[in-house]
Amino acid sequence: MNKSYRNRFLPLIVLLLSCVTYVQAQSGRRATTPPPTPSISGARTVEKPAPQPAKLRFLVGVENRSPFLNVPYYLSDTVMDNCVRRLADAANVIPTAIGRGIDRVDAVRRAKGEKETYVVWLQVESDTLDSGRDQKDGPDELYVRYTVFEPQTGKVRQSGRTHKSVYKTSRGGVATPTSRNGAIYSEYALKQAAREAAERILEAFEIKVKDESW
């Protein structure tokens, strides 16, 4: 190629090389540009649900009443049922009746077989029978004994006795005992004693239930 042709195409070659260099520079710049960061208006807070208190479970059984007590057999069931109902009045408490005819050995064995459930053992007893005096059939002599056995170990968590007397108001405004002979009187007094036993059991676990008037 002669010198005149070389001089004619030299500016064009220089211009093409400049264009190629510019395009490569722009391409590299776009590749290294970081993507835009999305704006965050504020940190999101996730509310954790409040932990639910563990439910307290009881198995409630009652001993058959002594054959020497001159009261109906069904009063043992009455005591158990009313104790269970009162325990159920407390929130997060689940009581279950396991029946009549439960002696102490049965109650302890049942408690040892439980992982978390307490066993409540109820008895209907009499002060006059304990002392060997003649039976009067009155609720002043009858009381409810309760024992709470711990799960797994069968140890006594709490025990005690409850007794209620029923009174009526005479015409003169003096509170006097109603007739102390009869199943109706005994049943009413034992119902109250059973409910009080449930309240004392709950108090041992620092649980308070609403008072109810009879």
N, C-alpha and C. Protein backbone atom coordinates (compact mmCIF):
# COMPACT_ATOMS: atom_id res chain seq x y z
N MET A 1 0.87 -1.19 0.00
CA MET A 1 0.00 0.00 0.00
C MET A 1 0.89 1.22 0.00
N ASN A 2 0.58 2.11 -0.92
CA ASN A 2 1.40 3.29 -1.01
C ASN A 2 1.12 4.23 0.14
N LYS A 3 1.91 5.22 0.23
CA LYS A 3 1.86 6.13 1.38
C LYS A 3 0.60 6.95 1.37
N SER A 4 0.08 7.31 0.18
CA SER A 4 -1.13 8.14 0.13
C SER A 4 -2.35 7.40 0.67
N TYR A 5 -2.49 6.09 0.31
CA TYR A 5 -3.62 5.30 0.85
C TYR A 5 -3.50 5.13 2.35
N ARG A 6 -2.28 4.89 2.84
CA ARG A 6 -2.07 4.71 4.28
C ARG A 6 -2.47 5.96 5.03
N ASN A 7 -2.10 7.10 4.54
CA ASN A 7 -2.46 8.35 5.22
C ASN A 7 -3.96 8.59 5.17
N ARG A 8 -4.62 8.11 4.11
CA ARG A 8 -6.06 8.33 3.99
C ARG A 8 -6.85 7.49 5.01
N PHE A 9 -6.44 6.23 5.27
CA PHE A 9 -7.21 5.35 6.16
C PHE A 9 -6.74 5.41 7.61
N LEU A 10 -5.64 6.06 7.88
CA LEU A 10 -5.11 6.10 9.25
C LEU A 10 -6.08 6.76 10.23
N PRO A 11 -6.69 7.91 9.89
CA PRO A 11 -7.65 8.50 10.84
C PRO A 11 -8.85 7.60 11.11
N LEU A 12 -9.30 6.85 10.09
CA LEU A 12 -10.45 5.95 10.28
C LEU A 12 -10.12 4.82 11.23
N ILE A 13 -8.90 4.28 11.09
CA ILE A 13 -8.47 3.19 11.98
C ILE A 13 -8.40 3.67 13.42
N VAL A 14 -7.86 4.89 13.58
CA VAL A 14 -7.74 5.44 14.94
C VAL A 14 -9.11 5.65 15.54
N LEU A 15 -10.07 6.11 14.71
CA LEU A 15 -11.43 6.34 15.21
C LEU A 15 -12.09 5.03 15.63
N LEU A 16 -11.91 3.94 14.85
CA LEU A 16 -12.49 2.64 15.20
C LEU A 16 -11.90 2.10 16.50
N LEU A 17 -10.60 2.22 16.65
CA LEU A 17 -9.96 1.75 17.89
C LEU A 17 -10.48 2.52 19.10
N SER A 18 -10.72 3.80 18.92
CA SER A 18 -11.23 4.61 20.04
C SER A 18 -12.63 4.17 20.43
N CYS A 19 -13.45 3.88 19.40
CA CYS A 19 -14.82 3.43 19.69
C CYS A 19 -14.83 2.10 20.45
N VAL A 20 -13.98 1.16 20.01
CA VAL A 20 -13.91 -0.14 20.69
C VAL A 20 -13.49 0.02 22.15
N THR A 21 -12.50 0.85 22.39
CA THR A 21 -12.01 1.08 23.76
C THR A 21 -13.09 1.68 24.63
N TYR A 22 -13.88 2.61 24.08
CA TYR A 22 -14.95 3.28 24.83
C TYR A 22 -16.05 2.29 25.20
N VAL A 23 -16.41 1.43 24.23
CA VAL A 23 -17.47 0.45 24.50
C VAL A 23 -17.05 -0.54 25.58
N GLN A 24 -15.78 -0.99 25.54
CA GLN A 24 -15.30 -1.93 26.57
C GLN A 24 -15.29 -1.28 27.96
N ALA A 25 -14.92 0.00 27.99
CA ALA A 25 -14.88 0.70 29.27
C ALA A 25 -16.27 0.83 29.86
N GLN A 26 -17.24 1.16 29.02
CA GLN A 26 -18.62 1.29 29.50
C GLN A 26 -19.18 -0.04 29.96
N SER A 27 -18.85 -1.12 29.23
CA SER A 27 -19.33 -2.44 29.61
C SER A 27 -18.79 -2.87 30.95
N GLY A 28 -17.49 -2.64 31.19
CA GLY A 28 -16.90 -3.00 32.47
C GLY A 28 -17.46 -2.18 33.61
N ARG A 29 -17.77 -0.91 33.34
CA ARG A 29 -18.34 -0.07 34.38
C ARG A 29 -19.73 -0.54 34.79
N ARG A 30 -20.55 -0.95 33.82
CA ARG A 30 -21.88 -1.43 34.15
C ARG A 30 -21.84 -2.73 34.95
N ALA A 31 -20.86 -3.58 34.65
CA ALA A 31 -20.75 -4.88 35.33
C ALA A 31 -20.37 -4.73 36.79
N THR A 32 -19.58 -3.71 37.11
CA THR A 32 -19.11 -3.55 38.48
C THR A 32 -20.03 -2.67 39.32
N THR A 33 -21.06 -2.12 38.74
CA THR A 33 -21.97 -1.27 39.51
C THR A 33 -22.87 -2.13 40.39
N PRO A 34 -22.84 -1.96 41.72
CA PRO A 34 -23.68 -2.80 42.61
C PRO A 34 -25.15 -2.47 42.44
N PRO A 35 -26.01 -3.46 42.62
CA PRO A 35 -27.45 -3.21 42.51
C PRO A 35 -27.92 -2.29 43.62
N PRO A 36 -28.98 -1.53 43.37
CA PRO A 36 -29.47 -0.63 44.41
C PRO A 36 -30.01 -1.39 45.62
N THR A 37 -29.73 -0.87 46.81
CA THR A 37 -30.19 -1.50 48.06
C THR A 37 -31.62 -1.06 48.36
N PRO A 38 -32.53 -2.03 48.55
CA PRO A 38 -33.92 -1.63 48.84
C PRO A 38 -34.01 -0.90 50.17
N SER A 39 -34.83 0.09 50.20
CA SER A 39 -34.98 0.89 51.42
C SER A 39 -35.80 0.11 52.44
N ILE A 40 -35.42 0.21 53.71
CA ILE A 40 -36.09 -0.47 54.82
C ILE A 40 -36.70 0.60 55.71
N SER A 41 -38.03 0.57 55.80
CA SER A 41 -38.69 1.59 56.59
C SER A 41 -38.47 1.40 58.09
N GLY A 42 -38.28 0.15 58.53
CA GLY A 42 -38.07 -0.13 59.95
C GLY A 42 -38.00 -1.61 60.20
N ALA A 43 -37.38 -2.00 61.30
CA ALA A 43 -37.24 -3.42 61.62
C ALA A 43 -38.60 -3.99 62.02
N ARG A 44 -38.93 -5.15 61.49
CA ARG A 44 -40.19 -5.80 61.82
C ARG A 44 -40.06 -6.58 63.13
N THR A 45 -40.99 -6.37 64.02
CA THR A 45 -40.98 -7.07 65.30
C THR A 45 -42.02 -8.19 65.25
N VAL A 46 -41.60 -9.37 65.67
CA VAL A 46 -42.48 -10.54 65.69
C VAL A 46 -42.89 -10.80 67.13
N GLU A 47 -44.18 -10.72 67.41
CA GLU A 47 -44.68 -10.93 68.76
C GLU A 47 -44.76 -12.43 69.06
N LYS A 48 -44.11 -12.81 70.15
CA LYS A 48 -44.14 -14.20 70.57
C LYS A 48 -45.41 -14.46 71.39
N PRO A 49 -46.08 -15.56 71.14
CA PRO A 49 -47.28 -15.86 71.93
C PRO A 49 -46.92 -16.10 73.39
N ALA A 50 -47.79 -15.62 74.27
CA ALA A 50 -47.55 -15.80 75.70
C ALA A 50 -47.60 -17.27 76.06
N PRO A 51 -46.64 -17.75 76.86
CA PRO A 51 -46.65 -19.18 77.23
C PRO A 51 -47.88 -19.52 78.06
N GLN A 52 -48.50 -20.64 77.75
CA GLN A 52 -49.68 -21.08 78.47
C GLN A 52 -49.26 -21.85 79.73
N PRO A 53 -49.90 -21.54 80.87
CA PRO A 53 -49.55 -22.29 82.08
C PRO A 53 -49.90 -23.76 81.95
N ALA A 54 -49.06 -24.59 82.55
CA ALA A 54 -49.29 -26.03 82.48
C ALA A 54 -50.56 -26.39 83.22
N LYS A 55 -51.30 -27.33 82.69
CA LYS A 55 -52.54 -27.75 83.32
C LYS A 55 -52.24 -28.71 84.48
N LEU A 56 -52.93 -28.48 85.58
CA LEU A 56 -52.78 -29.31 86.77
C LEU A 56 -53.85 -30.40 86.73
N ARG A 57 -53.42 -31.64 86.82
CA ARG A 57 -54.35 -32.77 86.67
C ARG A 57 -54.45 -33.55 87.99
N PHE A 58 -55.68 -33.95 88.29
CA PHE A 58 -55.95 -34.74 89.49
C PHE A 58 -56.78 -35.96 89.12
N LEU A 59 -56.48 -37.08 89.75
CA LEU A 59 -57.36 -38.25 89.75
C LEU A 59 -57.96 -38.33 91.14
N VAL A 60 -59.29 -38.38 91.21
CA VAL A 60 -59.97 -38.33 92.50
C VAL A 60 -60.73 -39.63 92.73
N GLY A 61 -60.39 -40.29 93.82
CA GLY A 61 -61.07 -41.52 94.20
C GLY A 61 -61.51 -41.45 95.65
N VAL A 62 -62.47 -42.27 96.00
CA VAL A 62 -62.99 -42.26 97.37
C VAL A 62 -63.06 -43.68 97.90
N GLU A 63 -62.80 -43.80 99.17
CA GLU A 63 -62.89 -45.09 99.85
C GLU A 63 -64.35 -45.42 100.15
N ASN A 64 -64.70 -46.70 100.10
CA ASN A 64 -66.04 -47.09 100.53
C ASN A 64 -66.24 -46.70 101.98
N ARG A 65 -67.42 -46.20 102.28
CA ARG A 65 -67.66 -45.79 103.67
C ARG A 65 -67.65 -47.02 104.57
N SER A 66 -67.28 -46.79 105.79
CA SER A 66 -67.19 -47.90 106.75
C SER A 66 -68.56 -48.56 106.93
N PRO A 67 -68.61 -49.87 107.03
CA PRO A 67 -69.90 -50.55 107.27
C PRO A 67 -70.49 -50.20 108.64
N PHE A 68 -69.67 -49.62 109.50
CA PHE A 68 -70.16 -49.23 110.83
C PHE A 68 -70.81 -47.86 110.82
N LEU A 69 -70.69 -47.12 109.70
CA LEU A 69 -71.35 -45.82 109.58
C LEU A 69 -72.80 -46.04 109.13
N ASN A 70 -73.72 -45.49 109.89
CA ASN A 70 -75.13 -45.67 109.59
C ASN A 70 -75.61 -44.57 108.64
N VAL A 71 -74.97 -44.50 107.46
CA VAL A 71 -75.34 -43.53 106.43
C VAL A 71 -75.36 -44.25 105.09
N PRO A 72 -76.08 -43.74 104.10
CA PRO A 72 -76.17 -44.42 102.80
C PRO A 72 -74.81 -44.54 102.12
N TYR A 73 -74.63 -45.60 101.36
CA TYR A 73 -73.39 -45.82 100.64
C TYR A 73 -73.14 -44.73 99.59
N TYR A 74 -74.22 -44.21 99.01
CA TYR A 74 -74.04 -43.25 97.92
C TYR A 74 -73.38 -41.96 98.37
N LEU A 75 -73.30 -41.72 99.68
CA LEU A 75 -72.68 -40.50 100.15
C LEU A 75 -71.19 -40.45 99.78
N SER A 76 -70.58 -41.61 99.63
CA SER A 76 -69.18 -41.61 99.18
C SER A 76 -69.08 -41.04 97.77
N ASP A 77 -70.00 -41.44 96.89
CA ASP A 77 -70.01 -40.88 95.54
C ASP A 77 -70.33 -39.39 95.57
N THR A 78 -71.21 -38.98 96.47
CA THR A 78 -71.55 -37.57 96.59
C THR A 78 -70.34 -36.75 96.95
N VAL A 79 -69.55 -37.24 97.87
CA VAL A 79 -68.33 -36.54 98.28
C VAL A 79 -67.35 -36.44 97.11
N MET A 80 -67.13 -37.53 96.41
CA MET A 80 -66.20 -37.52 95.28
C MET A 80 -66.66 -36.56 94.18
N ASP A 81 -67.94 -36.64 93.82
CA ASP A 81 -68.46 -35.81 92.74
C ASP A 81 -68.35 -34.32 93.06
N ASN A 82 -68.67 -33.94 94.29
CA ASN A 82 -68.62 -32.52 94.65
C ASN A 82 -67.18 -32.01 94.76
N CYS A 83 -66.28 -32.87 95.18
CA CYS A 83 -64.87 -32.49 95.20
C CYS A 83 -64.37 -32.26 93.78
N VAL A 84 -64.72 -33.14 92.86
CA VAL A 84 -64.30 -33.00 91.46
C VAL A 84 -64.86 -31.72 90.85
N ARG A 85 -66.14 -31.44 91.11
CA ARG A 85 -66.76 -30.24 90.54
C ARG A 85 -66.07 -28.97 91.04
N ARG A 86 -65.73 -28.95 92.32
CA ARG A 86 -65.08 -27.75 92.87
C ARG A 86 -63.66 -27.60 92.32
N LEU A 87 -62.95 -28.68 92.16
CA LEU A 87 -61.62 -28.60 91.56
C LEU A 87 -61.71 -28.07 90.13
N ALA A 88 -62.75 -28.47 89.42
CA ALA A 88 -62.92 -28.05 88.03
C ALA A 88 -63.26 -26.57 87.91
N ASP A 89 -63.68 -25.93 89.01
CA ASP A 89 -63.97 -24.49 88.96
C ASP A 89 -62.71 -23.66 88.77
N ALA A 90 -61.56 -24.22 89.06
CA ALA A 90 -60.30 -23.50 88.90
C ALA A 90 -59.81 -23.61 87.45
N ALA A 91 -59.27 -22.50 86.95
CA ALA A 91 -58.74 -22.50 85.58
C ALA A 91 -57.50 -23.39 85.50
N ASN A 92 -57.35 -24.05 84.35
CA ASN A 92 -56.19 -24.90 84.08
C ASN A 92 -56.06 -26.08 85.05
N VAL A 93 -57.18 -26.50 85.62
CA VAL A 93 -57.20 -27.68 86.48
C VAL A 93 -58.14 -28.70 85.85
N ILE A 94 -57.65 -29.92 85.67
CA ILE A 94 -58.45 -30.98 85.06
C ILE A 94 -58.55 -32.14 86.04
N PRO A 95 -59.68 -32.25 86.76
CA PRO A 95 -59.88 -33.38 87.67
C PRO A 95 -60.68 -34.49 86.99
N THR A 96 -60.37 -35.72 87.36
CA THR A 96 -61.07 -36.88 86.81
C THR A 96 -61.42 -37.83 87.95
N ALA A 97 -62.68 -38.21 88.04
CA ALA A 97 -63.10 -39.17 89.06
C ALA A 97 -62.71 -40.58 88.64
N ILE A 98 -62.14 -41.34 89.57
CA ILE A 98 -61.74 -42.72 89.25
C ILE A 98 -62.59 -43.74 90.00
N GLY A 99 -63.58 -43.27 90.78
CA GLY A 99 -64.55 -44.19 91.33
C GLY A 99 -64.45 -44.40 92.83
N ARG A 100 -65.33 -45.28 93.28
CA ARG A 100 -65.43 -45.61 94.69
C ARG A 100 -64.71 -46.93 94.95
N GLY A 101 -64.46 -47.21 96.22
CA GLY A 101 -63.79 -48.46 96.59
C GLY A 101 -62.29 -48.39 96.48
N ILE A 102 -61.70 -47.18 96.54
CA ILE A 102 -60.25 -46.99 96.45
C ILE A 102 -59.68 -46.95 97.86
N ASP A 103 -58.78 -47.86 98.17
CA ASP A 103 -58.13 -47.79 99.48
C ASP A 103 -56.78 -47.10 99.33
N ARG A 104 -56.08 -46.94 100.43
CA ARG A 104 -54.83 -46.19 100.42
C ARG A 104 -53.78 -46.85 99.53
N VAL A 105 -53.70 -48.19 99.57
CA VAL A 105 -52.73 -48.90 98.74
C VAL A 105 -53.01 -48.65 97.26
N ASP A 106 -54.27 -48.68 96.88
CA ASP A 106 -54.64 -48.41 95.49
C ASP A 106 -54.26 -47.00 95.07
N ALA A 107 -54.52 -46.04 95.96
CA ALA A 107 -54.22 -44.65 95.64
C ALA A 107 -52.72 -44.41 95.46
N VAL A 108 -51.92 -44.99 96.35
CA VAL A 108 -50.47 -44.82 96.24
C VAL A 108 -49.95 -45.50 94.98
N ARG A 109 -50.43 -46.69 94.69
CA ARG A 109 -50.00 -47.41 93.49
C ARG A 109 -50.36 -46.62 92.23
N ARG A 110 -51.55 -46.05 92.23
CA ARG A 110 -51.97 -45.27 91.06
C ARG A 110 -51.10 -44.03 90.90
N ALA A 111 -50.77 -43.37 92.00
CA ALA A 111 -49.93 -42.17 91.93
C ALA A 111 -48.53 -42.50 91.41
N LYS A 112 -47.96 -43.61 91.85
CA LYS A 112 -46.63 -43.99 91.39
C LYS A 112 -46.61 -44.29 89.89
N GLY A 113 -47.74 -44.69 89.35
CA GLY A 113 -47.81 -44.99 87.93
C GLY A 113 -48.07 -43.77 87.05
N GLU A 114 -48.28 -42.61 87.67
CA GLU A 114 -48.53 -41.38 86.92
C GLU A 114 -47.25 -40.56 86.79
N LYS A 115 -47.12 -39.85 85.67
CA LYS A 115 -45.95 -39.00 85.45
C LYS A 115 -46.14 -37.59 85.98
N GLU A 116 -47.34 -37.04 85.80
CA GLU A 116 -47.58 -35.65 86.20
C GLU A 116 -48.89 -35.48 86.97
N THR A 117 -49.72 -36.47 87.02
CA THR A 117 -51.05 -36.35 87.61
C THR A 117 -51.03 -36.73 89.09
N TYR A 118 -51.63 -35.87 89.93
CA TYR A 118 -51.74 -36.15 91.35
C TYR A 118 -52.99 -36.99 91.62
N VAL A 119 -52.93 -37.76 92.68
CA VAL A 119 -54.06 -38.60 93.07
C VAL A 119 -54.63 -38.07 94.39
N VAL A 120 -55.93 -37.78 94.38
CA VAL A 120 -56.63 -37.32 95.57
C VAL A 120 -57.45 -38.49 96.12
N TRP A 121 -57.20 -38.82 97.37
CA TRP A 121 -57.90 -39.93 98.01
C TRP A 121 -58.81 -39.37 99.09
N LEU A 122 -60.11 -39.67 99.01
CA LEU A 122 -61.10 -39.14 99.93
C LEU A 122 -61.66 -40.26 100.81
N GLN A 123 -62.02 -39.88 102.02
CA GLN A 123 -62.64 -40.81 102.96
C GLN A 123 -63.77 -40.11 103.70
N VAL A 124 -64.84 -40.83 103.96
CA VAL A 124 -65.92 -40.33 104.81
C VAL A 124 -65.79 -41.02 106.16
N GLU A 125 -65.56 -40.23 107.20
CA GLU A 125 -65.31 -40.80 108.52
C GLU A 125 -66.16 -40.10 109.57
N SER A 126 -66.09 -40.61 110.79
CA SER A 126 -66.94 -40.10 111.86
C SER A 126 -66.14 -39.96 113.14
N ASP A 127 -66.36 -38.83 113.82
CA ASP A 127 -65.69 -38.62 115.10
C ASP A 127 -66.18 -39.62 116.14
N THR A 128 -67.46 -39.90 116.14
CA THR A 128 -68.00 -40.83 117.13
C THR A 128 -67.48 -42.24 116.88
N LEU A 129 -67.32 -42.61 115.59
CA LEU A 129 -66.79 -43.93 115.29
C LEU A 129 -65.32 -44.02 115.68
N ASP A 130 -64.59 -42.92 115.47
CA ASP A 130 -63.17 -42.91 115.85
C ASP A 130 -63.00 -43.07 117.35
N SER A 131 -63.91 -42.48 118.11
CA SER A 131 -63.77 -42.51 119.57
C SER A 131 -64.41 -43.75 120.18
N GLY A 132 -65.17 -44.51 119.37
CA GLY A 132 -65.82 -45.71 119.89
C GLY A 132 -67.14 -45.44 120.56
N ARG A 133 -67.63 -44.17 120.49
CA ARG A 133 -68.93 -43.87 121.10
C ARG A 133 -70.05 -44.35 120.19
N ASP A 134 -71.28 -44.28 120.70
CA ASP A 134 -72.44 -44.69 119.92
C ASP A 134 -72.64 -43.74 118.74
N GLN A 135 -73.00 -44.32 117.61
CA GLN A 135 -73.24 -43.54 116.40
C GLN A 135 -74.53 -42.73 116.53
N LYS A 136 -74.48 -41.44 116.09
CA LYS A 136 -75.66 -40.58 116.14
C LYS A 136 -76.19 -40.23 114.76
N ASP A 137 -75.48 -40.62 113.72
CA ASP A 137 -75.89 -40.36 112.34
C ASP A 137 -75.87 -38.89 111.97
N GLY A 138 -75.38 -38.04 112.80
CA GLY A 138 -75.43 -36.61 112.52
C GLY A 138 -74.20 -36.12 111.80
N PRO A 139 -74.33 -35.05 110.99
CA PRO A 139 -73.18 -34.49 110.30
C PRO A 139 -72.18 -33.84 111.24
N ASP A 140 -72.59 -33.56 112.50
CA ASP A 140 -71.62 -33.05 113.45
C ASP A 140 -70.54 -34.09 113.73
N GLU A 141 -70.84 -35.36 113.45
CA GLU A 141 -69.86 -36.41 113.66
C GLU A 141 -69.14 -36.80 112.37
N LEU A 142 -69.78 -36.57 111.21
CA LEU A 142 -69.18 -36.96 109.94
C LEU A 142 -68.22 -35.89 109.43
N TYR A 143 -67.16 -36.33 108.77
CA TYR A 143 -66.22 -35.40 108.15
C TYR A 143 -65.57 -36.06 106.95
N VAL A 144 -64.92 -35.27 106.15
CA VAL A 144 -64.22 -35.75 104.95
C VAL A 144 -62.72 -35.62 105.19
N ARG A 145 -62.04 -36.72 105.00
CA ARG A 145 -60.57 -36.71 105.07
C ARG A 145 -60.03 -36.79 103.63
N TYR A 146 -59.04 -35.95 103.34
CA TYR A 146 -58.45 -35.93 101.99
C TYR A 146 -56.94 -36.09 102.09
N THR A 147 -56.38 -36.81 101.13
CA THR A 147 -54.93 -37.00 101.04
C THR A 147 -54.54 -36.87 99.58
N VAL A 148 -53.50 -36.10 99.32
CA VAL A 148 -53.00 -35.88 97.96
C VAL A 148 -51.65 -36.57 97.83
N PHE A 149 -51.56 -37.49 96.88
CA PHE A 149 -50.31 -38.23 96.64
C PHE A 149 -49.63 -37.70 95.38
N GLU A 150 -48.32 -37.54 95.46
CA GLU A 150 -47.55 -37.02 94.34
C GLU A 150 -47.34 -38.09 93.27
N PRO A 151 -47.28 -37.67 92.00
CA PRO A 151 -47.01 -38.64 90.94
C PRO A 151 -45.58 -39.19 91.04
N GLN A 152 -45.41 -40.37 90.53
CA GLN A 152 -44.12 -41.08 90.47
C GLN A 152 -43.66 -41.60 91.83
N THR A 153 -43.64 -40.72 92.87
CA THR A 153 -43.12 -41.15 94.17
C THR A 153 -44.22 -41.71 95.08
N GLY A 154 -45.45 -41.25 94.93
CA GLY A 154 -46.52 -41.67 95.82
C GLY A 154 -46.45 -41.04 97.19
N LYS A 155 -45.59 -40.03 97.36
CA LYS A 155 -45.49 -39.37 98.66
C LYS A 155 -46.68 -38.45 98.88
N VAL A 156 -46.98 -38.18 100.17
CA VAL A 156 -48.10 -37.33 100.52
C VAL A 156 -47.72 -35.87 100.29
N ARG A 157 -48.47 -35.20 99.41
CA ARG A 157 -48.25 -33.77 99.17
C ARG A 157 -49.02 -32.93 100.19
N GLN A 158 -50.22 -33.38 100.54
CA GLN A 158 -51.03 -32.66 101.51
C GLN A 158 -52.11 -33.59 102.04
N SER A 159 -52.54 -33.34 103.25
CA SER A 159 -53.64 -34.12 103.82
C SER A 159 -54.35 -33.26 104.87
N GLY A 160 -55.58 -33.64 105.17
CA GLY A 160 -56.34 -32.90 106.17
C GLY A 160 -57.75 -33.43 106.24
N ARG A 161 -58.59 -32.71 106.98
CA ARG A 161 -59.98 -33.09 107.12
C ARG A 161 -60.85 -31.84 107.12
N THR A 162 -62.06 -31.99 106.63
CA THR A 162 -63.00 -30.87 106.59
C THR A 162 -64.33 -31.32 107.16
N HIS A 163 -65.00 -30.38 107.81
CA HIS A 163 -66.26 -30.70 108.46
C HIS A 163 -67.16 -29.47 108.40
N LYS A 164 -68.42 -29.66 108.08
CA LYS A 164 -69.36 -28.55 108.00
C LYS A 164 -70.60 -28.86 108.82
N SER A 165 -71.06 -27.85 109.56
CA SER A 165 -72.33 -27.96 110.28
C SER A 165 -73.37 -27.11 109.57
N VAL A 166 -74.57 -27.57 109.54
CA VAL A 166 -75.67 -26.87 108.88
C VAL A 166 -76.57 -26.29 109.94
N TYR A 167 -76.88 -25.00 109.80
CA TYR A 167 -77.71 -24.33 110.79
C TYR A 167 -78.91 -23.67 110.10
N LYS A 168 -79.96 -23.49 110.87
CA LYS A 168 -81.11 -22.73 110.39
C LYS A 168 -81.42 -21.66 111.42
N THR A 169 -82.13 -20.62 111.01
CA THR A 169 -82.46 -19.52 111.91
C THR A 169 -83.86 -19.72 112.47
N SER A 170 -83.97 -19.71 113.78
CA SER A 170 -85.27 -19.90 114.43
C SER A 170 -86.07 -18.60 114.38
N ARG A 171 -87.31 -18.66 114.85
CA ARG A 171 -88.17 -17.47 114.85
C ARG A 171 -87.58 -16.35 115.69
N GLY A 172 -86.86 -16.72 116.70
CA GLY A 172 -86.27 -15.69 117.56
C GLY A 172 -84.97 -15.14 117.02
N GLY A 173 -84.54 -15.60 115.82
CA GLY A 173 -83.33 -15.09 115.21
C GLY A 173 -82.07 -15.78 115.69
N VAL A 174 -82.24 -16.88 116.44
CA VAL A 174 -81.08 -17.61 116.95
C VAL A 174 -80.76 -18.76 116.02
N ALA A 175 -79.50 -18.89 115.64
CA ALA A 175 -79.08 -19.98 114.75
C ALA A 175 -78.99 -21.27 115.55
N THR A 176 -79.76 -22.24 115.15
CA THR A 176 -79.75 -23.53 115.84
C THR A 176 -79.56 -24.64 114.82
N PRO A 177 -78.93 -25.75 115.20
CA PRO A 177 -78.75 -26.85 114.24
C PRO A 177 -80.08 -27.40 113.79
N THR A 178 -80.17 -27.78 112.55
CA THR A 178 -81.35 -28.46 112.05
C THR A 178 -81.33 -29.89 112.57
N SER A 179 -82.34 -30.64 112.23
CA SER A 179 -82.41 -32.03 112.68
C SER A 179 -81.18 -32.78 112.19
N ARG A 180 -80.47 -33.36 113.09
CA ARG A 180 -79.20 -33.98 112.75
C ARG A 180 -79.34 -35.43 112.32
N ASN A 181 -80.51 -35.95 112.35
CA ASN A 181 -80.73 -37.33 111.91
C ASN A 181 -81.35 -37.30 110.52
N GLY A 182 -80.85 -38.14 109.63
CA GLY A 182 -81.42 -38.21 108.29
C GLY A 182 -80.36 -38.05 107.22
N ALA A 183 -80.61 -38.73 106.09
CA ALA A 183 -79.63 -38.73 105.00
C ALA A 183 -79.53 -37.38 104.33
N ILE A 184 -80.64 -36.63 104.26
CA ILE A 184 -80.61 -35.34 103.58
C ILE A 184 -79.68 -34.38 104.30
N TYR A 185 -79.76 -34.34 105.61
CA TYR A 185 -78.89 -33.47 106.40
C TYR A 185 -77.44 -33.88 106.21
N SER A 186 -77.17 -35.16 106.33
CA SER A 186 -75.79 -35.65 106.19
C SER A 186 -75.24 -35.35 104.80
N GLU A 187 -76.06 -35.55 103.77
CA GLU A 187 -75.60 -35.32 102.40
C GLU A 187 -75.25 -33.86 102.18
N TYR A 188 -76.09 -32.96 102.67
CA TYR A 188 -75.84 -31.54 102.46
C TYR A 188 -74.55 -31.10 103.15
N ALA A 189 -74.34 -31.56 104.37
CA ALA A 189 -73.13 -31.19 105.10
C ALA A 189 -71.88 -31.77 104.45
N LEU A 190 -71.97 -33.02 103.97
CA LEU A 190 -70.81 -33.64 103.34
C LEU A 190 -70.48 -33.00 101.99
N LYS A 191 -71.51 -32.52 101.28
CA LYS A 191 -71.24 -31.79 100.03
C LYS A 191 -70.37 -30.58 100.30
N GLN A 192 -70.71 -29.83 101.33
CA GLN A 192 -69.92 -28.65 101.67
C GLN A 192 -68.52 -29.03 102.11
N ALA A 193 -68.42 -30.09 102.90
CA ALA A 193 -67.11 -30.54 103.36
C ALA A 193 -66.24 -30.98 102.18
N ALA A 194 -66.84 -31.64 101.19
CA ALA A 194 -66.08 -32.08 100.02
C ALA A 194 -65.59 -30.89 99.20
N ARG A 195 -66.42 -29.87 99.06
CA ARG A 195 -66.01 -28.67 98.32
C ARG A 195 -64.90 -27.93 99.04
N GLU A 196 -65.01 -27.88 100.36
CA GLU A 196 -63.94 -27.23 101.13
C GLU A 196 -62.64 -28.02 101.01
N ALA A 197 -62.73 -29.33 100.97
CA ALA A 197 -61.52 -30.14 100.78
C ALA A 197 -60.86 -29.80 99.44
N ALA A 198 -61.67 -29.63 98.39
CA ALA A 198 -61.12 -29.26 97.09
C ALA A 198 -60.43 -27.91 97.15
N GLU A 199 -61.03 -26.96 97.86
CA GLU A 199 -60.44 -25.63 97.97
C GLU A 199 -59.10 -25.69 98.71
N ARG A 200 -59.02 -26.49 99.73
CA ARG A 200 -57.75 -26.62 100.47
C ARG A 200 -56.68 -27.29 99.61
N ILE A 201 -57.11 -28.24 98.80
CA ILE A 201 -56.15 -28.89 97.89
C ILE A 201 -55.59 -27.89 96.91
N LEU A 202 -56.46 -27.06 96.35
CA LEU A 202 -56.02 -26.05 95.39
C LEU A 202 -55.11 -25.02 96.07
N GLU A 203 -55.41 -24.67 97.30
CA GLU A 203 -54.56 -23.72 98.02
C GLU A 203 -53.14 -24.25 98.20
N ALA A 204 -53.02 -25.57 98.32
CA ALA A 204 -51.68 -26.16 98.44
C ALA A 204 -50.86 -25.94 97.17
N PHE A 205 -51.55 -25.71 96.05
CA PHE A 205 -50.88 -25.42 94.78
C PHE A 205 -50.98 -23.93 94.43
N GLU A 206 -51.29 -23.12 95.46
CA GLU A 206 -51.40 -21.67 95.31
C GLU A 206 -52.44 -21.27 94.26
N ILE A 207 -53.57 -21.96 94.28
CA ILE A 207 -54.68 -21.66 93.39
C ILE A 207 -55.88 -21.28 94.24
N LYS A 208 -56.48 -20.15 93.90
CA LYS A 208 -57.64 -19.66 94.63
C LYS A 208 -58.83 -19.65 93.70
N VAL A 209 -59.95 -20.19 94.16
CA VAL A 209 -61.18 -20.19 93.38
C VAL A 209 -62.16 -19.21 94.02
N LYS A 210 -63.08 -18.75 93.21
CA LYS A 210 -64.06 -17.77 93.68
C LYS A 210 -64.96 -18.38 94.75
N ASP A 211 -65.17 -17.60 95.81
CA ASP A 211 -66.04 -18.08 96.88
C ASP A 211 -67.48 -18.12 96.40
N GLU A 212 -68.20 -19.13 96.85
CA GLU A 212 -69.60 -19.26 96.52
C GLU A 212 -70.39 -19.48 97.79
N SER A 213 -71.48 -18.79 97.89
CA SER A 213 -72.33 -18.96 99.08
C SER A 213 -73.29 -20.13 98.86
N TRP A 214 -73.54 -20.82 99.95
CA TRP A 214 -74.47 -21.95 99.89
C TRP A 214 -75.82 -21.48 100.42
